[in-house]
Amino acid sequence: MFQFLIDEDQVEKNSGISHSETNEIFSVGEKIKCDKHSGVVKYVGNVNPHSGIWLGVEWDDPVRGKHNGSVDGVEYFQSTQNNAASFVRPHKVKRAKDVFTALRERYGYDPEVMSRLKLMSETITPRQVCFEDLSILDLNGKEISEFGEPGELVKICPNVEFLNLSDNLITSWKAVTETCAMFKMLKSLDLR
């Protein structure tokens, strides 16, 4: 994967986008979401004659696209399907994240806090340290693309019976399969 650091000064000067909105590294090949549409970053940089930094995206749903990676006769990247691509500003996209970030956002999980809580478990009620008892794991729409090492998620939530991974940015079905195989009590997987 190639990585590009966005030149914050150029972006602010040319497009009026603040540093806080663009101080990120985007990678060609990275999964993103813009509004309700997901896609893959195929280009990061300037698009003449337009000012500022743009992300060239090939959309998972080609209907969302406007071109094939070319603007005004200049090819910035090639989409695999005709008219499946477009350019968007970096501040308009949501980045893919790992399952542990999604778990922290959804349920408040923090590995450091949890390990400290377990050390003090005699003073904490079981309801406060209940990831082991979680049977429904709903991570719908959390922009998940990475699952970590096989078995990591199961160590945190070993008793999951129902797992919802719908509307995510999954890049490896092998990782999903390996993760699901570790859940001994899993009865249902939702991938809509």
N, C-alpha and C. Protein backbone atom coordinates (compact mmCIF):
# COMPACT_ATOMS: atom_id res chain seq x y z
N MET A 1 0.84 -1.17 0.00
CA MET A 1 0.00 0.00 0.00
C MET A 1 0.89 1.24 0.00
N PHE A 2 0.55 2.23 -0.78
CA PHE A 2 1.26 3.49 -0.78
C PHE A 2 0.59 4.42 0.21
N GLN A 3 1.39 5.24 0.92
CA GLN A 3 0.82 6.18 1.85
C GLN A 3 1.18 7.60 1.43
N PHE A 4 0.24 8.50 1.62
CA PHE A 4 0.45 9.90 1.29
C PHE A 4 0.08 10.74 2.49
N LEU A 5 0.93 11.67 2.84
CA LEU A 5 0.60 12.61 3.90
C LEU A 5 0.05 13.86 3.23
N ILE A 6 -1.11 14.29 3.67
CA ILE A 6 -1.72 15.46 3.07
C ILE A 6 -0.98 16.70 3.55
N ASP A 7 -0.62 17.56 2.64
CA ASP A 7 0.05 18.81 2.93
C ASP A 7 -0.98 19.78 3.49
N GLU A 8 -0.99 19.92 4.82
CA GLU A 8 -2.01 20.72 5.49
C GLU A 8 -2.00 22.17 5.06
N ASP A 9 -0.81 22.76 4.92
CA ASP A 9 -0.74 24.17 4.54
C ASP A 9 -1.34 24.39 3.16
N GLN A 10 -1.04 23.50 2.24
CA GLN A 10 -1.58 23.62 0.88
C GLN A 10 -3.09 23.47 0.90
N VAL A 11 -3.59 22.50 1.67
CA VAL A 11 -5.03 22.28 1.73
C VAL A 11 -5.73 23.50 2.31
N GLU A 12 -5.20 24.02 3.42
CA GLU A 12 -5.85 25.16 4.04
C GLU A 12 -5.83 26.38 3.12
N LYS A 13 -4.69 26.62 2.48
CA LYS A 13 -4.55 27.78 1.60
C LYS A 13 -5.45 27.65 0.38
N ASN A 14 -5.52 26.45 -0.21
CA ASN A 14 -6.25 26.27 -1.46
C ASN A 14 -7.73 25.94 -1.31
N SER A 15 -8.10 25.35 -0.19
CA SER A 15 -9.49 24.90 -0.11
C SER A 15 -10.25 25.40 1.10
N GLY A 16 -9.56 26.04 2.03
CA GLY A 16 -10.24 26.53 3.22
C GLY A 16 -10.51 25.45 4.24
N ILE A 17 -9.97 24.25 4.07
CA ILE A 17 -10.18 23.17 5.02
C ILE A 17 -9.16 23.32 6.14
N SER A 18 -9.62 23.23 7.39
CA SER A 18 -8.71 23.44 8.51
C SER A 18 -7.76 22.26 8.71
N HIS A 19 -6.69 22.49 9.43
CA HIS A 19 -5.71 21.45 9.72
C HIS A 19 -6.35 20.26 10.40
N SER A 20 -7.23 20.50 11.35
CA SER A 20 -7.81 19.41 12.12
C SER A 20 -8.62 18.45 11.23
N GLU A 21 -9.10 18.92 10.11
CA GLU A 21 -9.90 18.06 9.24
C GLU A 21 -9.03 17.21 8.31
N THR A 22 -7.77 17.57 8.12
CA THR A 22 -6.97 16.88 7.12
C THR A 22 -5.66 16.32 7.65
N ASN A 23 -5.42 16.39 8.93
CA ASN A 23 -4.16 15.94 9.49
C ASN A 23 -4.16 14.42 9.61
N GLU A 24 -4.26 13.74 8.48
CA GLU A 24 -4.34 12.30 8.46
C GLU A 24 -3.53 11.77 7.29
N ILE A 25 -3.14 10.52 7.40
CA ILE A 25 -2.50 9.84 6.30
C ILE A 25 -3.55 8.97 5.63
N PHE A 26 -3.69 9.11 4.35
CA PHE A 26 -4.60 8.26 3.58
C PHE A 26 -3.75 7.33 2.73
N SER A 27 -4.19 6.10 2.57
CA SER A 27 -3.46 5.11 1.81
C SER A 27 -4.25 4.66 0.60
N VAL A 28 -3.57 4.53 -0.51
CA VAL A 28 -4.19 3.92 -1.68
C VAL A 28 -4.51 2.48 -1.28
N GLY A 29 -5.75 2.07 -1.52
CA GLY A 29 -6.19 0.74 -1.13
C GLY A 29 -7.00 0.73 0.15
N GLU A 30 -7.05 1.85 0.86
CA GLU A 30 -7.78 1.96 2.12
C GLU A 30 -9.29 2.02 1.86
N LYS A 31 -10.06 1.30 2.68
CA LYS A 31 -11.52 1.36 2.60
C LYS A 31 -12.02 2.59 3.34
N ILE A 32 -13.00 3.26 2.74
CA ILE A 32 -13.60 4.45 3.35
C ILE A 32 -15.11 4.41 3.17
N LYS A 33 -15.78 5.31 3.87
CA LYS A 33 -17.22 5.48 3.71
C LYS A 33 -17.49 6.97 3.59
N CYS A 34 -18.37 7.32 2.66
CA CYS A 34 -18.78 8.71 2.47
C CYS A 34 -20.31 8.69 2.39
N ASP A 35 -20.94 9.37 3.31
CA ASP A 35 -22.39 9.27 3.48
C ASP A 35 -22.70 7.80 3.74
N LYS A 36 -23.53 7.18 2.97
CA LYS A 36 -23.87 5.77 3.16
C LYS A 36 -23.14 4.86 2.17
N HIS A 37 -22.20 5.42 1.41
CA HIS A 37 -21.52 4.67 0.36
C HIS A 37 -20.10 4.31 0.77
N SER A 38 -19.69 3.09 0.45
CA SER A 38 -18.33 2.66 0.76
C SER A 38 -17.54 2.48 -0.53
N GLY A 39 -16.23 2.59 -0.39
CA GLY A 39 -15.36 2.45 -1.55
C GLY A 39 -13.91 2.29 -1.13
N VAL A 40 -13.04 2.29 -2.14
CA VAL A 40 -11.61 2.12 -1.93
C VAL A 40 -10.88 3.34 -2.47
N VAL A 41 -9.95 3.87 -1.67
CA VAL A 41 -9.13 5.01 -2.11
C VAL A 41 -8.17 4.51 -3.19
N LYS A 42 -8.21 5.17 -4.35
CA LYS A 42 -7.34 4.80 -5.47
C LYS A 42 -6.32 5.89 -5.79
N TYR A 43 -6.53 7.10 -5.24
CA TYR A 43 -5.65 8.23 -5.53
C TYR A 43 -5.76 9.24 -4.41
N VAL A 44 -4.64 9.87 -4.05
CA VAL A 44 -4.61 10.96 -3.08
C VAL A 44 -3.75 12.07 -3.67
N GLY A 45 -4.31 13.27 -3.81
CA GLY A 45 -3.51 14.38 -4.32
C GLY A 45 -4.33 15.46 -4.98
N ASN A 46 -3.63 16.27 -5.76
CA ASN A 46 -4.27 17.37 -6.49
C ASN A 46 -5.01 16.85 -7.71
N VAL A 47 -6.07 17.54 -8.08
CA VAL A 47 -6.84 17.24 -9.28
C VAL A 47 -7.02 18.57 -10.01
N ASN A 48 -6.26 18.77 -11.07
CA ASN A 48 -6.34 20.03 -11.82
C ASN A 48 -7.63 20.11 -12.62
N PRO A 49 -8.25 21.21 -12.73
CA PRO A 49 -7.86 22.54 -12.28
C PRO A 49 -8.39 22.89 -10.90
N HIS A 50 -8.87 21.92 -10.15
CA HIS A 50 -9.49 22.17 -8.84
C HIS A 50 -8.41 22.33 -7.77
N SER A 51 -8.66 23.18 -6.80
CA SER A 51 -7.68 23.43 -5.76
C SER A 51 -7.79 22.39 -4.64
N GLY A 52 -6.70 22.23 -3.92
CA GLY A 52 -6.70 21.38 -2.73
C GLY A 52 -6.47 19.91 -3.02
N ILE A 53 -6.52 19.15 -1.95
CA ILE A 53 -6.28 17.71 -1.99
C ILE A 53 -7.61 16.98 -2.15
N TRP A 54 -7.56 15.93 -2.96
CA TRP A 54 -8.74 15.11 -3.24
C TRP A 54 -8.40 13.64 -3.02
N LEU A 55 -9.42 12.85 -2.70
CA LEU A 55 -9.30 11.40 -2.68
C LEU A 55 -10.04 10.88 -3.90
N GLY A 56 -9.34 10.10 -4.72
CA GLY A 56 -9.99 9.41 -5.82
C GLY A 56 -10.52 8.09 -5.29
N VAL A 57 -11.81 7.86 -5.41
CA VAL A 57 -12.45 6.69 -4.80
C VAL A 57 -13.15 5.87 -5.86
N GLU A 58 -12.93 4.56 -5.80
CA GLU A 58 -13.74 3.63 -6.59
C GLU A 58 -14.79 3.07 -5.65
N TRP A 59 -16.05 3.30 -5.99
CA TRP A 59 -17.16 2.95 -5.11
C TRP A 59 -17.52 1.48 -5.24
N ASP A 60 -17.91 0.88 -4.11
CA ASP A 60 -18.38 -0.51 -4.12
C ASP A 60 -19.64 -0.65 -4.97
N ASP A 61 -20.48 0.36 -4.93
CA ASP A 61 -21.66 0.41 -5.78
C ASP A 61 -21.35 1.37 -6.93
N PRO A 62 -21.10 0.84 -8.14
CA PRO A 62 -20.67 1.70 -9.24
C PRO A 62 -21.65 2.81 -9.61
N VAL A 63 -22.90 2.69 -9.22
CA VAL A 63 -23.90 3.72 -9.52
C VAL A 63 -23.52 5.04 -8.85
N ARG A 64 -22.80 4.98 -7.74
CA ARG A 64 -22.37 6.19 -7.00
C ARG A 64 -21.31 6.99 -7.77
N GLY A 65 -20.60 6.32 -8.68
CA GLY A 65 -19.50 6.95 -9.40
C GLY A 65 -19.94 7.94 -10.46
N LYS A 66 -18.96 8.77 -10.90
CA LYS A 66 -19.22 9.77 -11.93
C LYS A 66 -18.29 9.63 -13.13
N HIS A 67 -17.19 8.90 -12.95
CA HIS A 67 -16.20 8.74 -14.03
C HIS A 67 -15.35 7.50 -13.77
N ASN A 68 -14.28 7.32 -14.52
CA ASN A 68 -13.44 6.14 -14.36
C ASN A 68 -12.06 6.46 -13.79
N GLY A 69 -11.91 7.63 -13.17
CA GLY A 69 -10.63 8.04 -12.60
C GLY A 69 -9.94 9.13 -13.38
N SER A 70 -10.59 9.60 -14.44
CA SER A 70 -10.04 10.67 -15.28
C SER A 70 -10.89 11.93 -15.16
N VAL A 71 -10.21 13.08 -15.18
CA VAL A 71 -10.90 14.37 -15.15
C VAL A 71 -10.26 15.25 -16.20
N ASP A 72 -11.07 15.81 -17.06
CA ASP A 72 -10.61 16.71 -18.13
C ASP A 72 -9.46 16.10 -18.93
N GLY A 73 -9.59 14.80 -19.25
CA GLY A 73 -8.60 14.12 -20.08
C GLY A 73 -7.35 13.65 -19.35
N VAL A 74 -7.24 13.90 -18.05
CA VAL A 74 -6.08 13.45 -17.27
C VAL A 74 -6.50 12.24 -16.44
N GLU A 75 -5.77 11.12 -16.60
CA GLU A 75 -6.07 9.91 -15.83
C GLU A 75 -5.29 9.92 -14.52
N TYR A 76 -6.01 9.95 -13.41
CA TYR A 76 -5.40 9.94 -12.09
C TYR A 76 -5.31 8.52 -11.54
N PHE A 77 -6.25 7.68 -11.91
CA PHE A 77 -6.27 6.26 -11.56
C PHE A 77 -7.27 5.59 -12.48
N GLN A 78 -7.27 4.26 -12.48
CA GLN A 78 -8.22 3.51 -13.30
C GLN A 78 -9.17 2.74 -12.39
N SER A 79 -10.47 2.93 -12.62
CA SER A 79 -11.44 2.12 -11.88
C SER A 79 -11.66 0.82 -12.65
N THR A 80 -12.03 -0.22 -11.94
CA THR A 80 -12.23 -1.52 -12.57
C THR A 80 -13.50 -1.55 -13.40
N GLN A 81 -14.46 -0.68 -13.06
CA GLN A 81 -15.70 -0.58 -13.83
C GLN A 81 -15.84 0.85 -14.34
N ASN A 82 -16.41 0.99 -15.51
CA ASN A 82 -16.60 2.32 -16.08
C ASN A 82 -17.58 3.13 -15.23
N ASN A 83 -17.25 4.38 -15.00
CA ASN A 83 -18.09 5.31 -14.24
C ASN A 83 -18.36 4.86 -12.80
N ALA A 84 -17.42 4.15 -12.18
CA ALA A 84 -17.58 3.69 -10.80
C ALA A 84 -16.78 4.53 -9.82
N ALA A 85 -16.19 5.64 -10.28
CA ALA A 85 -15.29 6.42 -9.44
C ALA A 85 -15.72 7.87 -9.35
N SER A 86 -15.18 8.55 -8.34
CA SER A 86 -15.34 9.99 -8.21
C SER A 86 -14.28 10.50 -7.24
N PHE A 87 -14.18 11.81 -7.14
CA PHE A 87 -13.25 12.45 -6.22
C PHE A 87 -14.03 13.10 -5.09
N VAL A 88 -13.52 12.96 -3.87
CA VAL A 88 -14.15 13.58 -2.70
C VAL A 88 -13.07 14.24 -1.85
N ARG A 89 -13.48 15.20 -1.07
CA ARG A 89 -12.57 15.85 -0.15
C ARG A 89 -12.29 14.93 1.06
N PRO A 90 -11.07 14.92 1.55
CA PRO A 90 -10.72 14.04 2.67
C PRO A 90 -11.59 14.23 3.91
N HIS A 91 -12.00 15.43 4.20
CA HIS A 91 -12.79 15.67 5.42
C HIS A 91 -14.21 15.11 5.33
N LYS A 92 -14.62 14.65 4.16
CA LYS A 92 -15.98 14.12 4.00
C LYS A 92 -16.07 12.62 4.20
N VAL A 93 -14.94 11.94 4.36
CA VAL A 93 -14.96 10.49 4.46
C VAL A 93 -14.76 10.01 5.89
N LYS A 94 -15.26 8.83 6.15
CA LYS A 94 -14.99 8.13 7.40
C LYS A 94 -14.02 7.01 7.07
N ARG A 95 -13.03 6.87 7.90
CA ARG A 95 -12.01 5.84 7.68
C ARG A 95 -12.45 4.50 8.27
N ALA A 96 -11.95 3.45 7.67
CA ALA A 96 -12.17 2.12 8.23
C ALA A 96 -11.43 2.03 9.56
N LYS A 97 -11.91 1.18 10.45
CA LYS A 97 -11.27 1.02 11.75
C LYS A 97 -11.21 -0.45 12.13
N ASP A 98 -10.45 -0.73 13.16
CA ASP A 98 -10.36 -2.12 13.62
C ASP A 98 -11.52 -2.43 14.56
N VAL A 99 -11.75 -3.70 14.78
CA VAL A 99 -12.89 -4.15 15.57
C VAL A 99 -12.80 -3.66 17.02
N PHE A 100 -11.59 -3.47 17.55
CA PHE A 100 -11.45 -3.06 18.94
C PHE A 100 -11.80 -1.58 19.12
N THR A 101 -11.51 -0.76 18.12
CA THR A 101 -11.94 0.63 18.14
C THR A 101 -13.47 0.68 18.09
N ALA A 102 -14.07 -0.14 17.24
CA ALA A 102 -15.53 -0.19 17.14
C ALA A 102 -16.14 -0.69 18.44
N LEU A 103 -15.52 -1.68 19.05
CA LEU A 103 -16.01 -2.21 20.33
C LEU A 103 -15.95 -1.13 21.41
N ARG A 104 -14.87 -0.36 21.43
CA ARG A 104 -14.71 0.73 22.39
C ARG A 104 -15.79 1.80 22.15
N GLU A 105 -16.03 2.15 20.89
CA GLU A 105 -17.05 3.15 20.58
C GLU A 105 -18.45 2.67 20.95
N ARG A 106 -18.73 1.43 20.67
CA ARG A 106 -20.09 0.90 20.88
C ARG A 106 -20.38 0.57 22.34
N TYR A 107 -19.40 -0.07 23.01
CA TYR A 107 -19.64 -0.58 24.35
C TYR A 107 -18.76 0.05 25.43
N GLY A 108 -17.86 0.94 25.05
CA GLY A 108 -17.00 1.56 26.04
C GLY A 108 -15.82 0.70 26.44
N TYR A 109 -15.47 -0.28 25.64
CA TYR A 109 -14.36 -1.18 25.99
C TYR A 109 -13.02 -0.47 25.87
N ASP A 110 -12.22 -0.57 26.91
CA ASP A 110 -10.85 -0.06 26.90
C ASP A 110 -9.99 -1.10 27.59
N PRO A 111 -9.07 -1.77 26.85
CA PRO A 111 -8.28 -2.86 27.42
C PRO A 111 -7.54 -2.49 28.70
N GLU A 112 -6.95 -1.29 28.76
CA GLU A 112 -6.21 -0.89 29.95
C GLU A 112 -7.14 -0.73 31.15
N VAL A 113 -8.26 -0.06 30.93
CA VAL A 113 -9.22 0.13 32.01
C VAL A 113 -9.77 -1.22 32.46
N MET A 114 -10.09 -2.08 31.51
CA MET A 114 -10.65 -3.39 31.86
C MET A 114 -9.66 -4.21 32.68
N SER A 115 -8.38 -4.19 32.34
CA SER A 115 -7.40 -4.97 33.11
C SER A 115 -7.27 -4.39 34.52
N ARG A 116 -7.32 -3.06 34.66
CA ARG A 116 -7.27 -2.45 35.99
C ARG A 116 -8.52 -2.80 36.79
N LEU A 117 -9.68 -2.80 36.11
CA LEU A 117 -10.92 -3.14 36.80
C LEU A 117 -10.90 -4.58 37.29
N LYS A 118 -10.33 -5.46 36.49
CA LYS A 118 -10.27 -6.87 36.89
C LYS A 118 -9.38 -7.05 38.10
N LEU A 119 -8.33 -6.23 38.22
CA LEU A 119 -7.46 -6.30 39.40
C LEU A 119 -8.22 -5.87 40.65
N MET A 120 -9.20 -4.99 40.48
CA MET A 120 -9.99 -4.51 41.60
C MET A 120 -11.36 -5.18 41.63
N SER A 121 -11.50 -6.34 41.02
CA SER A 121 -12.81 -6.96 40.80
C SER A 121 -13.61 -7.21 42.07
N GLU A 122 -12.96 -7.36 43.20
CA GLU A 122 -13.74 -7.60 44.42
C GLU A 122 -14.58 -6.38 44.81
N THR A 123 -14.21 -5.19 44.33
CA THR A 123 -14.97 -3.99 44.65
C THR A 123 -15.91 -3.57 43.52
N ILE A 124 -15.94 -4.34 42.45
CA ILE A 124 -16.75 -3.97 41.30
C ILE A 124 -17.81 -5.04 41.07
N THR A 125 -19.02 -4.61 40.79
CA THR A 125 -20.09 -5.57 40.55
C THR A 125 -19.88 -6.25 39.20
N PRO A 126 -20.37 -7.46 39.02
CA PRO A 126 -20.22 -8.17 37.75
C PRO A 126 -20.79 -7.41 36.56
N ARG A 127 -21.79 -6.56 36.74
CA ARG A 127 -22.39 -5.81 35.65
C ARG A 127 -21.39 -4.83 35.04
N GLN A 128 -20.42 -4.36 35.81
CA GLN A 128 -19.45 -3.40 35.31
C GLN A 128 -18.34 -4.07 34.50
N VAL A 129 -18.16 -5.36 34.67
CA VAL A 129 -17.14 -6.10 33.94
C VAL A 129 -17.87 -7.27 33.27
N CYS A 130 -18.66 -6.98 32.24
CA CYS A 130 -19.58 -7.98 31.70
C CYS A 130 -19.28 -8.40 30.26
N PHE A 131 -18.14 -8.06 29.70
CA PHE A 131 -17.85 -8.47 28.33
C PHE A 131 -17.84 -9.99 28.19
N GLU A 132 -17.45 -10.68 29.26
CA GLU A 132 -17.45 -12.14 29.23
C GLU A 132 -18.86 -12.69 29.09
N ASP A 133 -19.85 -11.93 29.56
CA ASP A 133 -21.25 -12.38 29.52
C ASP A 133 -22.00 -11.91 28.29
N LEU A 134 -21.38 -11.10 27.48
CA LEU A 134 -22.05 -10.53 26.31
C LEU A 134 -22.40 -11.65 25.32
N SER A 135 -23.69 -11.82 25.03
CA SER A 135 -24.11 -12.85 24.07
C SER A 135 -24.49 -12.25 22.71
N ILE A 136 -24.84 -10.97 22.69
CA ILE A 136 -25.16 -10.28 21.44
C ILE A 136 -24.12 -9.18 21.23
N LEU A 137 -23.39 -9.29 20.14
CA LEU A 137 -22.37 -8.30 19.81
C LEU A 137 -22.81 -7.59 18.54
N ASP A 138 -23.32 -6.36 18.71
CA ASP A 138 -23.86 -5.59 17.60
C ASP A 138 -22.86 -4.51 17.19
N LEU A 139 -22.16 -4.74 16.09
CA LEU A 139 -21.19 -3.79 15.57
C LEU A 139 -21.61 -3.30 14.19
N ASN A 140 -22.91 -3.21 13.99
CA ASN A 140 -23.50 -2.75 12.74
C ASN A 140 -23.09 -1.31 12.44
N GLY A 141 -22.60 -1.07 11.21
CA GLY A 141 -22.30 0.28 10.75
C GLY A 141 -21.14 0.96 11.43
N LYS A 142 -20.18 0.23 11.94
CA LYS A 142 -19.05 0.81 12.67
C LYS A 142 -17.79 0.98 11.82
N GLU A 143 -17.89 0.83 10.50
CA GLU A 143 -16.76 1.01 9.56
C GLU A 143 -15.59 0.07 9.86
N ILE A 144 -15.88 -1.15 10.30
CA ILE A 144 -14.84 -2.12 10.65
C ILE A 144 -14.22 -2.71 9.38
N SER A 145 -12.89 -2.76 9.37
CA SER A 145 -12.20 -3.44 8.27
C SER A 145 -11.20 -4.46 8.78
N GLU A 146 -10.71 -4.29 10.00
CA GLU A 146 -9.68 -5.18 10.55
C GLU A 146 -10.18 -5.89 11.80
N PHE A 147 -9.74 -7.14 11.96
CA PHE A 147 -10.18 -7.94 13.10
C PHE A 147 -9.06 -8.34 14.05
N GLY A 148 -7.84 -7.87 13.79
CA GLY A 148 -6.73 -8.24 14.66
C GLY A 148 -6.36 -9.70 14.48
N GLU A 149 -5.61 -10.20 15.42
CA GLU A 149 -5.19 -11.61 15.37
C GLU A 149 -6.38 -12.51 15.70
N PRO A 150 -6.45 -13.68 15.05
CA PRO A 150 -7.53 -14.61 15.39
C PRO A 150 -7.51 -14.93 16.88
N GLY A 151 -8.66 -14.86 17.48
CA GLY A 151 -8.78 -15.18 18.90
C GLY A 151 -8.77 -13.98 19.83
N GLU A 152 -8.30 -12.82 19.37
CA GLU A 152 -8.26 -11.63 20.24
C GLU A 152 -9.65 -11.20 20.70
N LEU A 153 -10.58 -11.11 19.76
CA LEU A 153 -11.93 -10.68 20.08
C LEU A 153 -12.62 -11.70 20.99
N VAL A 154 -12.37 -12.97 20.75
CA VAL A 154 -12.99 -14.04 21.55
C VAL A 154 -12.50 -14.00 22.99
N LYS A 155 -11.27 -13.59 23.21
CA LYS A 155 -10.75 -13.47 24.58
C LYS A 155 -11.54 -12.43 25.36
N ILE A 156 -11.97 -11.39 24.69
CA ILE A 156 -12.71 -10.30 25.35
C ILE A 156 -14.18 -10.67 25.52
N CYS A 157 -14.78 -11.26 24.48
CA CYS A 157 -16.21 -11.58 24.46
C CYS A 157 -16.39 -13.05 24.08
N PRO A 158 -16.07 -13.98 24.96
CA PRO A 158 -16.06 -15.41 24.59
C PRO A 158 -17.43 -16.04 24.39
N ASN A 159 -18.49 -15.43 24.89
CA ASN A 159 -19.81 -16.08 24.87
C ASN A 159 -20.78 -15.49 23.86
N VAL A 160 -20.27 -14.89 22.81
CA VAL A 160 -21.12 -14.29 21.79
C VAL A 160 -21.89 -15.38 21.04
N GLU A 161 -23.21 -15.19 20.96
CA GLU A 161 -24.08 -16.10 20.21
C GLU A 161 -24.57 -15.45 18.92
N PHE A 162 -24.76 -14.13 18.96
CA PHE A 162 -25.26 -13.39 17.82
C PHE A 162 -24.29 -12.25 17.51
N LEU A 163 -23.75 -12.25 16.30
CA LEU A 163 -22.76 -11.25 15.89
C LEU A 163 -23.28 -10.50 14.67
N ASN A 164 -23.40 -9.18 14.79
CA ASN A 164 -23.87 -8.35 13.69
C ASN A 164 -22.71 -7.52 13.17
N LEU A 165 -22.26 -7.81 11.95
CA LEU A 165 -21.20 -7.07 11.29
C LEU A 165 -21.72 -6.38 10.02
N SER A 166 -23.01 -6.14 9.95
CA SER A 166 -23.62 -5.50 8.78
C SER A 166 -23.07 -4.11 8.55
N ASP A 167 -23.10 -3.70 7.29
CA ASP A 167 -22.78 -2.33 6.90
C ASP A 167 -21.42 -1.88 7.43
N ASN A 168 -20.39 -2.69 7.19
CA ASN A 168 -19.03 -2.37 7.58
C ASN A 168 -18.14 -2.31 6.35
N LEU A 169 -16.86 -2.11 6.54
CA LEU A 169 -15.91 -1.97 5.44
C LEU A 169 -14.95 -3.17 5.43
N ILE A 170 -15.49 -4.34 5.52
CA ILE A 170 -14.71 -5.57 5.64
C ILE A 170 -13.85 -5.77 4.40
N THR A 171 -12.56 -6.00 4.64
CA THR A 171 -11.61 -6.19 3.54
C THR A 171 -11.15 -7.64 3.42
N SER A 172 -11.33 -8.42 4.46
CA SER A 172 -10.88 -9.81 4.42
C SER A 172 -11.95 -10.74 4.97
N TRP A 173 -12.56 -11.50 4.08
CA TRP A 173 -13.56 -12.47 4.53
C TRP A 173 -12.89 -13.61 5.27
N LYS A 174 -11.63 -13.83 4.99
CA LYS A 174 -10.88 -14.86 5.72
C LYS A 174 -10.81 -14.48 7.21
N ALA A 175 -10.55 -13.21 7.50
CA ALA A 175 -10.48 -12.75 8.89
C ALA A 175 -11.84 -12.92 9.58
N VAL A 176 -12.92 -12.65 8.86
CA VAL A 176 -14.26 -12.83 9.43
C VAL A 176 -14.49 -14.30 9.74
N THR A 177 -14.13 -15.16 8.80
CA THR A 177 -14.29 -16.61 8.99
C THR A 177 -13.48 -17.11 10.18
N GLU A 178 -12.22 -16.69 10.25
CA GLU A 178 -11.36 -17.12 11.36
C GLU A 178 -11.90 -16.63 12.70
N THR A 179 -12.37 -15.38 12.74
CA THR A 179 -12.91 -14.81 13.97
C THR A 179 -14.17 -15.57 14.39
N CYS A 180 -15.06 -15.80 13.45
CA CYS A 180 -16.32 -16.50 13.76
C CYS A 180 -16.06 -17.93 14.22
N ALA A 181 -15.08 -18.59 13.64
CA ALA A 181 -14.76 -19.98 14.01
C ALA A 181 -14.33 -20.07 15.47
N MET A 182 -13.78 -19.01 16.02
CA MET A 182 -13.32 -19.01 17.41
C MET A 182 -14.46 -18.90 18.42
N PHE A 183 -15.59 -18.32 17.99
CA PHE A 183 -16.74 -18.19 18.88
C PHE A 183 -17.45 -19.53 18.97
N LYS A 184 -17.24 -20.25 20.05
CA LYS A 184 -17.79 -21.60 20.21
C LYS A 184 -19.31 -21.61 20.35
N MET A 185 -19.90 -20.50 20.79
CA MET A 185 -21.34 -20.46 21.02
C MET A 185 -22.08 -19.71 19.91
N LEU A 186 -21.39 -19.27 18.87
CA LEU A 186 -22.01 -18.47 17.82
C LEU A 186 -23.11 -19.23 17.09
N LYS A 187 -24.29 -18.62 17.05
CA LYS A 187 -25.45 -19.21 16.39
C LYS A 187 -25.85 -18.44 15.14
N SER A 188 -25.56 -17.12 15.14
CA SER A 188 -26.04 -16.28 14.05
C SER A 188 -25.01 -15.19 13.73
N LEU A 189 -24.77 -15.00 12.43
CA LEU A 189 -23.90 -13.96 11.94
C LEU A 189 -24.67 -13.13 10.93
N ASP A 190 -24.78 -11.84 11.16
CA ASP A 190 -25.51 -10.94 10.26
C ASP A 190 -24.49 -10.12 9.48
N LEU A 191 -24.52 -10.24 8.15
CA LEU A 191 -23.59 -9.52 7.28
C LEU A 191 -24.32 -8.65 6.25
N ARG A 192 -25.59 -8.38 6.48
CA ARG A 192 -26.35 -7.59 5.50
C ARG A 192 -25.69 -6.32 5.14
